[in-house]
PDB file of N, CA and C in Angstrom:
ATOM      1  N   MET A   1     103.796-146.016 -53.213  1.00  0.00           N
ATOM      2  CA  MET A   1     103.934-147.397 -52.830  1.00  0.00           C
ATOM      3  C   MET A   1     102.732-147.861 -52.009  1.00  0.00           C
ATOM      4  N   LYS A   2     102.237-146.967 -51.086  1.00  0.00           N
ATOM      5  CA  LYS A   2     101.073-147.307 -50.278  1.00  0.00           C
ATOM      6  C   LYS A   2      99.845-147.543 -51.151  1.00  0.00           C
ATOM      7  N   LYS A   3      99.777-146.814 -52.273  1.00  0.00           N
ATOM      8  CA  LYS A   3      98.635-146.942 -53.177  1.00  0.00           C
ATOM      9  C   LYS A   3      98.554-148.346 -53.764  1.00  0.00           C
ATOM     10  N   ILE A   4      99.672-149.018 -53.863  1.00  0.00           N
ATOM     11  CA  ILE A   4      99.712-150.355 -54.462  1.00  0.00           C
ATOM     12  C   ILE A   4      99.529-151.421 -53.387  1.00  0.00           C
ATOM     13  N   ILE A   5     100.178-151.258 -52.250  1.00  0.00           N
ATOM     14  CA  ILE A   5     100.174-152.286 -51.220  1.00  0.00           C
ATOM     15  C   ILE A   5      98.790-152.471 -50.613  1.00  0.00           C
ATOM     16  N   LEU A   6      98.141-151.397 -50.207  1.00  0.00           N
ATOM     17  CA  LEU A   6      96.842-151.515 -49.541  1.00  0.00           C
ATOM     18  C   LEU A   6      95.778-152.141 -50.432  1.00  0.00           C
ATOM     19  N   PRO A   7      95.581-151.669 -51.675  1.00  0.00           N
ATOM     20  CA  PRO A   7      94.584-152.337 -52.523  1.00  0.00           C
ATOM     21  C   PRO A   7      94.942-153.803 -52.791  1.00  0.00           C
ATOM     22  N   ALA A   8      96.223-154.085 -52.965  1.00  0.00           N
ATOM     23  CA  ALA A   8      96.632-155.471 -53.201  1.00  0.00           C
ATOM     24  C   ALA A   8      96.320-156.332 -51.985  1.00  0.00           C
ATOM     25  N   LEU A   9      96.556-155.794 -50.785  1.00  0.00           N
ATOM     26  CA  LEU A   9      96.246-156.517 -49.554  1.00  0.00           C
ATOM     27  C   LEU A   9      94.751-156.754 -49.424  1.00  0.00           C
ATOM     28  N   VAL A  10      93.940-155.749 -49.692  1.00  0.00           N
ATOM     29  CA  VAL A  10      92.491-155.889 -49.610  1.00  0.00           C
ATOM     30  C   VAL A  10      92.000-156.928 -50.607  1.00  0.00           C
ATOM     31  N   ILE A  11      92.491-156.874 -51.823  1.00  0.00           N
ATOM     32  CA  ILE A  11      92.088-157.850 -52.847  1.00  0.00           C
ATOM     33  C   ILE A  11      92.517-159.255 -52.438  1.00  0.00           C
ATOM     34  N   PHE A  12      93.729-159.401 -51.925  1.00  0.00           N
ATOM     35  CA  PHE A  12      94.201-160.710 -51.472  1.00  0.00           C
ATOM     36  C   PHE A  12      93.300-161.264 -50.374  1.00  0.00           C
ATOM     37  N   ILE A  13      92.947-160.425 -49.419  1.00  0.00           N
ATOM     38  CA  ILE A  13      92.086-160.863 -48.319  1.00  0.00           C
ATOM     39  C   ILE A  13      90.708-161.238 -48.839  1.00  0.00           C
ATOM     40  N   LEU A  14      90.172-160.429 -49.740  1.00  0.00           N
ATOM     41  CA  LEU A  14      88.857-160.722 -50.294  1.00  0.00           C
ATOM     42  C   LEU A  14      88.847-162.045 -51.047  1.00  0.00           C
ATOM     43  N   VAL A  15      89.875-162.287 -51.832  1.00  0.00           N
ATOM     44  CA  VAL A  15      89.944-163.528 -52.607  1.00  0.00           C
ATOM     45  C   VAL A  15      90.106-164.720 -51.674  1.00  0.00           C
ATOM     46  N   SER A  16      90.912-164.584 -50.644  1.00  0.00           N
ATOM     47  CA  SER A  16      91.132-165.712 -49.737  1.00  0.00           C
ATOM     48  C   SER A  16      89.918-165.996 -48.867  1.00  0.00           C
ATOM     49  N   CYS A  17      89.052-165.014 -48.653  1.00  0.00           N
ATOM     50  CA  CYS A  17      87.868-165.193 -47.814  1.00  0.00           C
ATOM     51  C   CYS A  17      86.602-165.442 -48.617  1.00  0.00           C
ATOM     52  N   LYS A  18      86.684-165.424 -49.914  1.00  0.00           N
ATOM     53  CA  LYS A  18      85.495-165.481 -50.756  1.00  0.00           C
ATOM     54  C   LYS A  18      84.643-166.717 -50.534  1.00  0.00           C
ATOM     55  N   SER A  19      85.231-167.871 -50.330  1.00  0.00           N
ATOM     56  CA  SER A  19      84.460-169.101 -50.249  1.00  0.00           C
ATOM     57  C   SER A  19      83.939-169.412 -48.854  1.00  0.00           C
ATOM     58  N   LYS A  20      84.294-168.604 -47.863  1.00  0.00           N
ATOM     59  CA  LYS A  20      83.795-168.872 -46.521  1.00  0.00           C
ATOM     60  C   LYS A  20      83.108-167.625 -45.967  1.00  0.00           C
ATOM     61  N   LYS A  21      82.158-167.855 -45.083  1.00  0.00           N
ATOM     62  CA  LYS A  21      81.450-166.742 -44.470  1.00  0.00           C
ATOM     63  C   LYS A  21      82.286-166.211 -43.321  1.00  0.00           C
ATOM     64  N   VAL A  22      82.231-164.899 -43.155  1.00  0.00           N
ATOM     65  CA  VAL A  22      82.934-164.266 -42.058  1.00  0.00           C
ATOM     66  C   VAL A  22      81.906-163.945 -40.990  1.00  0.00           C
ATOM     67  N   VAL A  23      82.081-164.506 -39.808  1.00  0.00           N
ATOM     68  CA  VAL A  23      81.164-164.250 -38.714  1.00  0.00           C
ATOM     69  C   VAL A  23      81.860-163.294 -37.770  1.00  0.00           C
ATOM     70  N   THR A  24      81.229-162.163 -37.540  1.00  0.00           N
ATOM     71  CA  THR A  24      81.808-161.160 -36.677  1.00  0.00           C
ATOM     72  C   THR A  24      80.950-161.028 -35.433  1.00  0.00           C
ATOM     73  N   GLU A  25      81.503-161.408 -34.289  1.00  0.00           N
ATOM     74  CA  GLU A  25      80.762-161.296 -33.050  1.00  0.00           C
ATOM     75  C   GLU A  25      80.858-159.888 -32.494  1.00  0.00           C
ATOM     76  N   ASN A  26      81.943-159.227 -32.718  1.00  0.00           N
ATOM     77  CA  ASN A  26      82.129-157.876 -32.214  1.00  0.00           C
ATOM     78  C   ASN A  26      81.881-156.913 -33.361  1.00  0.00           C
ATOM     79  N   VAL A  27      80.666-156.377 -33.450  1.00  0.00           N
ATOM     80  CA  VAL A  27      80.299-155.552 -34.597  1.00  0.00           C
ATOM     81  C   VAL A  27      80.940-154.174 -34.567  1.00  0.00           C
ATOM     82  N   THR A  28      81.575-153.806 -33.465  1.00  0.00           N
ATOM     83  CA  THR A  28      82.234-152.510 -33.406  1.00  0.00           C
ATOM     84  C   THR A  28      83.649-152.562 -33.955  1.00  0.00           C
ATOM     85  N   LYS A  29      84.099-153.750 -34.338  1.00  0.00           N
ATOM     86  CA  LYS A  29      85.449-153.889 -34.882  1.00  0.00           C
ATOM     87  C   LYS A  29      85.370-153.965 -36.396  1.00  0.00           C
ATOM     88  N   ILE A  30      86.096-153.115 -37.056  1.00  0.00           N
ATOM     89  CA  ILE A  30      86.113-153.126 -38.510  1.00  0.00           C
ATOM     90  C   ILE A  30      87.311-153.926 -38.968  1.00  0.00           C
ATOM     91  N   GLU A  31      87.062-154.865 -39.841  1.00  0.00           N
ATOM     92  CA  GLU A  31      88.123-155.648 -40.447  1.00  0.00           C
ATOM     93  C   GLU A  31      88.258-155.233 -41.905  1.00  0.00           C
ATOM     94  N   ALA A  32      89.467-155.226 -42.395  1.00  0.00           N
ATOM     95  CA  ALA A  32      89.690-154.867 -43.790  1.00  0.00           C
ATOM     96  C   ALA A  32      89.138-155.925 -44.727  1.00  0.00           C
ATOM     97  N   SER A  33      89.013-157.153 -44.237  1.00  0.00           N
ATOM     98  CA  SER A  33      88.494-158.210 -45.097  1.00  0.00           C
ATOM     99  C   SER A  33      86.979-158.183 -45.113  1.00  0.00           C
ATOM    100  N   THR A  34      86.422-158.457 -46.273  1.00  0.00           N
ATOM    101  CA  THR A  34      84.986-158.487 -46.453  1.00  0.00           C
ATOM    102  C   THR A  34      84.657-159.644 -47.369  1.00  0.00           C
ATOM    103  N   THR A  35      83.663-160.421 -46.997  1.00  0.00           N
ATOM    104  CA  THR A  35      83.213-161.487 -47.873  1.00  0.00           C
ATOM    105  C   THR A  35      82.317-160.879 -48.926  1.00  0.00           C
ATOM    106  N   VAL A  36      82.659-161.049 -50.169  1.00  0.00           N
ATOM    107  CA  VAL A  36      81.874-160.489 -51.260  1.00  0.00           C
ATOM    108  C   VAL A  36      80.950-161.582 -51.759  1.00  0.00           C
ATOM    109  N   SER A  37      79.662-161.345 -51.637  1.00  0.00           N
ATOM    110  CA  SER A  37      78.710-162.347 -52.109  1.00  0.00           C
ATOM    111  C   SER A  37      78.564-162.240 -53.619  1.00  0.00           C
ATOM    112  N   SER A  38      77.944-163.235 -54.193  1.00  0.00           N
ATOM    113  CA  SER A  38      77.740-163.225 -55.633  1.00  0.00           C
ATOM    114  C   SER A  38      76.719-162.176 -56.039  1.00  0.00           C
ATOM    115  N   GLU A  39      75.991-161.626 -55.061  1.00  0.00           N
ATOM    116  CA  GLU A  39      74.965-160.631 -55.356  1.00  0.00           C
ATOM    117  C   GLU A  39      75.557-159.268 -55.723  1.00  0.00           C
ATOM    118  N   ILE A  40      76.749-158.966 -55.259  1.00  0.00           N
ATOM    119  CA  ILE A  40      77.315-157.635 -55.474  1.00  0.00           C
ATOM    120  C   ILE A  40      78.800-157.751 -55.812  1.00  0.00           C
ATOM    121  N   SER A  41      79.210-157.061 -56.844  1.00  0.00           N
ATOM    122  CA  SER A  41      80.621-157.081 -57.238  1.00  0.00           C
ATOM    123  C   SER A  41      81.392-156.052 -56.419  1.00  0.00           C
ATOM    124  N   MET A  42      82.702-156.159 -56.466  1.00  0.00           N
ATOM    125  CA  MET A  42      83.550-155.211 -55.751  1.00  0.00           C
ATOM    126  C   MET A  42      83.302-153.794 -56.257  1.00  0.00           C
ATOM    127  N   ALA A  43      83.156-153.635 -57.560  1.00  0.00           N
ATOM    128  CA  ALA A  43      82.913-152.307 -58.137  1.00  0.00           C
ATOM    129  C   ALA A  43      81.596-151.732 -57.626  1.00  0.00           C
ATOM    130  N   GLU A  44      80.571-152.576 -57.531  1.00  0.00           N
ATOM    131  CA  GLU A  44      79.276-152.109 -57.017  1.00  0.00           C
ATOM    132  C   GLU A  44      79.378-151.748 -55.537  1.00  0.00           C
ATOM    133  N   MET A  45      80.143-152.537 -54.785  1.00  0.00           N
ATOM    134  CA  MET A  45      80.327-152.255 -53.368  1.00  0.00           C
ATOM    135  C   MET A  45      81.032-150.910 -53.178  1.00  0.00           C
ATOM    136  N   ILE A  46      82.060-150.665 -53.967  1.00  0.00           N
ATOM    137  CA  ILE A  46      82.789-149.400 -53.881  1.00  0.00           C
ATOM    138  C   ILE A  46      81.874-148.247 -54.274  1.00  0.00           C
ATOM    139  N   ALA A  47      81.081-148.423 -55.322  1.00  0.00           N
ATOM    140  CA  ALA A  47      80.151-147.376 -55.761  1.00  0.00           C
ATOM    141  C   ALA A  47      79.111-147.085 -54.682  1.00  0.00           C
ATOM    142  N   GLN A  48      78.600-148.126 -54.036  1.00  0.00           N
ATOM    143  CA  GLN A  48      77.637-147.918 -52.951  1.00  0.00           C
ATOM    144  C   GLN A  48      78.297-147.210 -51.778  1.00  0.00           C
ATOM    145  N   GLY A  49      79.543-147.589 -51.471  1.00  0.00           N
ATOM    146  CA  GLY A  49      80.288-146.937 -50.392  1.00  0.00           C
ATOM    147  C   GLY A  49      80.481-145.457 -50.661  1.00  0.00           C
ATOM    148  N   GLU A  50      80.805-145.123 -51.903  1.00  0.00           N
ATOM    149  CA  GLU A  50      80.972-143.718 -52.276  1.00  0.00           C
ATOM    150  C   GLU A  50      79.655-142.969 -52.120  1.00  0.00           C
ATOM    151  N   SER A  51      78.569-143.562 -52.562  1.00  0.00           N
ATOM    152  CA  SER A  51      77.263-142.930 -52.463  1.00  0.00           C
ATOM    153  C   SER A  51      76.865-142.701 -51.007  1.00  0.00           C
ATOM    154  N   ILE A  52      77.061-143.700 -50.171  1.00  0.00           N
ATOM    155  CA  ILE A  52      76.734-143.561 -48.746  1.00  0.00           C
ATOM    156  C   ILE A  52      77.606-142.482 -48.117  1.00  0.00           C
ATOM    157  N   PHE A  53      78.907-142.510 -48.429  1.00  0.00           N
ATOM    158  CA  PHE A  53      79.846-141.520 -47.888  1.00  0.00           C
ATOM    159  C   PHE A  53      79.406-140.110 -48.243  1.00  0.00           C
ATOM    160  N   GLN A  54      79.072-139.889 -49.504  1.00  0.00           N
ATOM    161  CA  GLN A  54      78.687-138.551 -49.941  1.00  0.00           C
ATOM    162  C   GLN A  54      77.325-138.133 -49.397  1.00  0.00           C
ATOM    163  N   ASN A  55      76.360-139.061 -49.396  1.00  0.00           N
ATOM    164  CA  ASN A  55      74.998-138.692 -49.012  1.00  0.00           C
ATOM    165  C   ASN A  55      74.747-138.717 -47.509  1.00  0.00           C
ATOM    166  N   LYS A  56      75.240-139.706 -46.821  1.00  0.00           N
ATOM    167  CA  LYS A  56      75.018-139.788 -45.368  1.00  0.00           C
ATOM    168  C   LYS A  56      76.009-138.912 -44.609  1.00  0.00           C
ATOM    169  N   CYS A  57      77.295-139.083 -44.905  1.00  0.00           N
ATOM    170  CA  CYS A  57      78.330-138.337 -44.186  1.00  0.00           C
ATOM    171  C   CYS A  57      78.300-136.864 -44.584  1.00  0.00           C
ATOM    172  N   GLY A  58      78.193-136.627 -45.881  1.00  0.00           N
ATOM    173  CA  GLY A  58      78.186-135.259 -46.382  1.00  0.00           C
ATOM    174  C   GLY A  58      76.914-134.501 -46.068  1.00  0.00           C
ATOM    175  N   ASN A  59      75.901-135.211 -45.600  1.00  0.00           N
ATOM    176  CA  ASN A  59      74.639-134.568 -45.234  1.00  0.00           C
ATOM    177  C   ASN A  59      74.791-133.719 -43.977  1.00  0.00           C
ATOM    178  N   CYS A  60      75.702-134.119 -43.074  1.00  0.00           N
ATOM    179  CA  CYS A  60      75.846-133.424 -41.789  1.00  0.00           C
ATOM    180  C   CYS A  60      77.074-132.509 -41.705  1.00  0.00           C
ATOM    181  N   HIS A  61      78.098-132.806 -42.480  1.00  0.00           N
ATOM    182  CA  HIS A  61      79.325-132.007 -42.384  1.00  0.00           C
ATOM    183  C   HIS A  61      80.120-132.113 -43.679  1.00  0.00           C
ATOM    184  N   ALA A  62      81.102-131.228 -43.792  1.00  0.00           N
ATOM    185  CA  ALA A  62      81.993-131.279 -44.954  1.00  0.00           C
ATOM    186  C   ALA A  62      82.762-132.594 -44.911  1.00  0.00           C
ATOM    187  N   LEU A  63      82.890-133.225 -46.056  1.00  0.00           N
ATOM    188  CA  LEU A  63      83.578-134.508 -46.119  1.00  0.00           C
ATOM    189  C   LEU A  63      85.082-134.330 -45.966  1.00  0.00           C
ATOM    190  N   PRO A  64      85.696-135.142 -45.100  1.00  0.00           N
ATOM    191  CA  PRO A  64      87.152-135.071 -44.984  1.00  0.00           C
ATOM    192  C   PRO A  64      87.792-135.674 -46.223  1.00  0.00           C
ATOM    193  N   LYS A  65      89.005-135.280 -46.498  1.00  0.00           N
ATOM    194  CA  LYS A  65      89.749-135.902 -47.594  1.00  0.00           C
ATOM    195  C   LYS A  65      90.172-137.279 -47.113  1.00  0.00           C
ATOM    196  N   VAL A  66      89.830-138.296 -47.892  1.00  0.00           N
ATOM    197  CA  VAL A  66      90.098-139.663 -47.450  1.00  0.00           C
ATOM    198  C   VAL A  66      91.587-139.933 -47.272  1.00  0.00           C
ATOM    199  N   LYS A  67      92.420-139.226 -47.984  1.00  0.00           N
ATOM    200  CA  LYS A  67      93.874-139.420 -47.893  1.00  0.00           C
ATOM    201  C   LYS A  67      94.471-138.797 -46.620  1.00  0.00           C
ATOM    202  N   ASP A  68      93.659-138.012 -45.887  1.00  0.00           N
ATOM    203  CA  ASP A  68      94.161-137.384 -44.666  1.00  0.00           C
ATOM    204  C   ASP A  68      94.371-138.387 -43.532  1.00  0.00           C
ATOM    205  N   TYR A  69      93.815-139.590 -43.670  1.00  0.00           N
ATOM    206  CA  TYR A  69      93.906-140.606 -42.636  1.00  0.00           C
ATOM    207  C   TYR A  69      94.322-141.934 -43.260  1.00  0.00           C
ATOM    208  N   SER A  70      95.029-142.731 -42.478  1.00  0.00           N
ATOM    209  CA  SER A  70      95.406-144.071 -42.935  1.00  0.00           C
ATOM    210  C   SER A  70      94.207-145.005 -42.776  1.00  0.00           C
ATOM    211  N   ALA A  71      94.305-146.190 -43.345  1.00  0.00           N
ATOM    212  CA  ALA A  71      93.233-147.188 -43.210  1.00  0.00           C
ATOM    213  C   ALA A  71      92.991-147.502 -41.737  1.00  0.00           C
ATOM    214  N   GLU A  72      94.047-147.599 -40.957  1.00  0.00           N
ATOM    215  CA  GLU A  72      93.903-147.871 -39.518  1.00  0.00           C
ATOM    216  C   GLU A  72      93.250-146.700 -38.792  1.00  0.00           C
ATOM    217  N   ASN A  73      93.587-145.471 -39.179  1.00  0.00           N
ATOM    218  CA  ASN A  73      92.986-144.305 -38.543  1.00  0.00           C
ATOM    219  C   ASN A  73      91.497-144.182 -38.852  1.00  0.00           C
ATOM    220  N   TRP A  74      91.083-144.699 -40.017  1.00  0.00           N
ATOM    221  CA  TRP A  74      89.676-144.614 -40.401  1.00  0.00           C
ATOM    222  C   TRP A  74      88.800-145.527 -39.557  1.00  0.00           C
ATOM    223  N   LYS A  75      89.341-146.631 -39.035  1.00  0.00           N
ATOM    224  CA  LYS A  75      88.524-147.598 -38.301  1.00  0.00           C
ATOM    225  C   LYS A  75      87.764-146.975 -37.128  1.00  0.00           C
ATOM    226  N   PRO A  76      88.433-146.294 -36.188  1.00  0.00           N
ATOM    227  CA  PRO A  76      87.666-145.699 -35.079  1.00  0.00           C
ATOM    228  C   PRO A  76      86.743-144.567 -35.543  1.00  0.00           C
ATOM    229  N   ILE A  77      87.143-143.867 -36.592  1.00  0.00           N
ATOM    230  CA  ILE A  77      86.284-142.813 -37.140  1.00  0.00           C
ATOM    231  C   ILE A  77      85.006-143.435 -37.679  1.00  0.00           C
ATOM    232  N   MET A  78      85.147-144.541 -38.408  1.00  0.00           N
ATOM    233  CA  MET A  78      83.981-145.225 -38.972  1.00  0.00           C
ATOM    234  C   MET A  78      83.049-145.741 -37.881  1.00  0.00           C
ATOM    235  N   ILE A  79      83.616-146.294 -36.824  1.00  0.00           N
ATOM    236  CA  ILE A  79      82.802-146.815 -35.725  1.00  0.00           C
ATOM    237  C   ILE A  79      82.005-145.679 -35.078  1.00  0.00           C
ATOM    238  N   ARG A  80      82.697-144.585 -34.790  1.00  0.00           N
ATOM    239  CA  ARG A  80      82.031-143.442 -34.142  1.00  0.00           C
ATOM    240  C   ARG A  80      80.961-142.845 -35.044  1.00  0.00           C
ATOM    241  N   MET A  81      81.265-142.660 -36.315  1.00  0.00           N
ATOM    242  CA  MET A  81      80.339-141.986 -37.208  1.00  0.00           C
ATOM    243  C   MET A  81      79.214-142.896 -37.704  1.00  0.00           C
ATOM    244  N   GLN A  82      79.385-144.209 -37.603  1.00  0.00           N
ATOM    245  CA  GLN A  82      78.322-145.133 -38.002  1.00  0.00           C
ATOM    246  C   GLN A  82      77.059-144.848 -37.204  1.00  0.00           C
ATOM    247  N   LYS A  83      77.215-144.610 -35.918  1.00  0.00           N
ATOM    248  CA  LYS A  83      76.065-144.322 -35.058  1.00  0.00           C
ATOM    249  C   LYS A  83      75.411-142.996 -35.451  1.00  0.00           C
ATOM    250  N   GLU A  84      76.232-142.006 -35.735  1.00  0.00           N
ATOM    251  CA  GLU A  84      75.713-140.685 -36.110  1.00  0.00           C
ATOM    252  C   GLU A  84      74.972-140.730 -37.439  1.00  0.00           C
ATOM    253  N   ALA A  85      75.518-141.475 -38.393  1.00  0.00           N
ATOM    254  CA  ALA A  85      74.933-141.544 -39.735  1.00  0.00           C
ATOM    255  C   ALA A  85      73.795-142.563 -39.827  1.00  0.00           C
ATOM    256  N   GLU A  86      73.660-143.367 -38.767  1.00  0.00           N
ATOM    257  CA  GLU A  86      72.620-144.391 -38.727  1.00  0.00           C
ATOM    258  C   GLU A  86      72.705-145.328 -39.938  1.00  0.00           C
ATOM    259  N   ILE A  87      73.903-145.905 -40.110  1.00  0.00           N
ATOM    260  CA  ILE A  87      74.106-146.861 -41.199  1.00  0.00           C
ATOM    261  C   ILE A  87      74.369-148.247 -40.607  1.00  0.00           C
ATOM    262  N   SER A  88      74.066-149.268 -41.387  1.00  0.00           N
ATOM    263  CA  SER A  88      74.257-150.647 -40.948  1.00  0.00           C
ATOM    264  C   SER A  88      75.737-151.025 -40.985  1.00  0.00           C
ATOM    265  N   ASP A  89      76.038-152.182 -40.411  1.00  0.00           N
ATOM    266  CA  ASP A  89      77.415-152.688 -40.459  1.00  0.00           C
ATOM    267  C   ASP A  89      77.857-152.920 -41.899  1.00  0.00           C
ATOM    268  N   LYS A  90      76.957-153.424 -42.725  1.00  0.00           N
ATOM    269  CA  LYS A  90      77.282-153.674 -44.132  1.00  0.00           C
ATOM    270  C   LYS A  90      77.577-152.353 -44.846  1.00  0.00           C
ATOM    271  N   GLU A  91      76.744-151.345 -44.602  1.00  0.00           N
ATOM    272  CA  GLU A  91      76.972-150.036 -45.220  1.00  0.00           C
ATOM    273  C   GLU A  91      78.289-149.446 -44.745  1.00  0.00           C
ATOM    274  N   ARG A  92      78.610-149.640 -43.447  1.00  0.00           N
ATOM    275  CA  ARG A  92      79.893-149.159 -42.915  1.00  0.00           C
ATOM    276  C   ARG A  92      81.045-149.837 -43.641  1.00  0.00           C
ATOM    277  N   GLU A  93      80.935-151.140 -43.907  1.00  0.00           N
ATOM    278  CA  GLU A  93      81.974-151.862 -44.640  1.00  0.00           C
ATOM    279  C   GLU A  93      82.124-151.309 -46.054  1.00  0.00           C
ATOM    280  N   TYR A  94      81.006-151.008 -46.705  1.00  0.00           N
ATOM    281  CA  TYR A  94      81.054-150.439 -48.051  1.00  0.00           C
ATOM    282  C   TYR A  94      81.798-149.105 -48.040  1.00  0.00           C
ATOM    283  N   VAL A  95      81.471-148.260 -47.073  1.00  0.00           N
ATOM    284  CA  VAL A  95      82.134-146.948 -46.980  1.00  0.00           C
ATOM    285  C   VAL A  95      83.609-147.130 -46.687  1.00  0.00           C
ATOM    286  N   TYR A  96      83.929-148.004 -45.763  1.00  0.00           N
ATOM    287  CA  TYR A  96      85.334-148.245 -45.410  1.00  0.00           C
ATOM    288  C   TYR A  96      86.118-148.740 -46.625  1.00  0.00           C
ATOM    289  N   ASN A  97      85.551-149.689 -47.351  1.00  0.00           N
ATOM    290  CA  ASN A  97      86.237-150.194 -48.541  1.00  0.00           C
ATOM    291  C   ASN A  97      86.391-149.104 -49.597  1.00  0.00           C
ATOM    292  N   TYR A  98      85.398-148.266 -49.761  1.00  0.00           N
ATOM    293  CA  TYR A  98      85.515-147.134 -50.694  1.00  0.00           C
ATOM    294  C   TYR A  98      86.659-146.228 -50.270  1.00  0.00           C
ATOM    295  N   ILE A  99      86.722-145.912 -48.987  1.00  0.00           N
ATOM    296  CA  ILE A  99      87.750-144.987 -48.488  1.00  0.00           C
ATOM    297  C   ILE A  99      89.150-145.555 -48.667  1.00  0.00           C
ATOM    298  N   VAL A 100      89.355-146.811 -48.297  1.00  0.00           N
ATOM    299  CA  VAL A 100      90.717-147.360 -48.369  1.00  0.00           C
ATOM    300  C   VAL A 100      91.156-147.626 -49.805  1.00  0.00           C
ATOM    301  N   MET A 101      90.213-147.715 -50.735  1.00  0.00           N
ATOM    302  CA  MET A 101      90.573-147.933 -52.129  1.00  0.00           C
ATOM    303  C   MET A 101      90.897-146.628 -52.864  1.00  0.00           C
ATOM    304  N   GLN A 102      90.736-145.513 -52.194  1.00  0.00           N
ATOM    305  CA  GLN A 102      91.023-144.217 -52.823  1.00  0.00           C
ATOM    306  C   GLN A 102      92.501-143.947 -52.852  1.00  0.00           C
TER     307      GLN A 102
END
């Protein structure tokens, strides 16, 4: 059931936010919603997130199983590891979206 609800929620949020820009003043807070520009499709974003996850995260340690943590549990992990992996906020969003879509 969780496999259906979370992706549906993410897609709903993405569709509802598509026409407006999301301004985030607190860059340490991860939101499940992401504005998808016309430059990159959701599939491309997920593919980039997977690549970053495997290459940046997997470069320093064994990759955790994404199902071991909930979407909420991943947020503080992503914030902490973003600094270690030296990835941008956009790249962090790509990785987060890849993880929660698994």
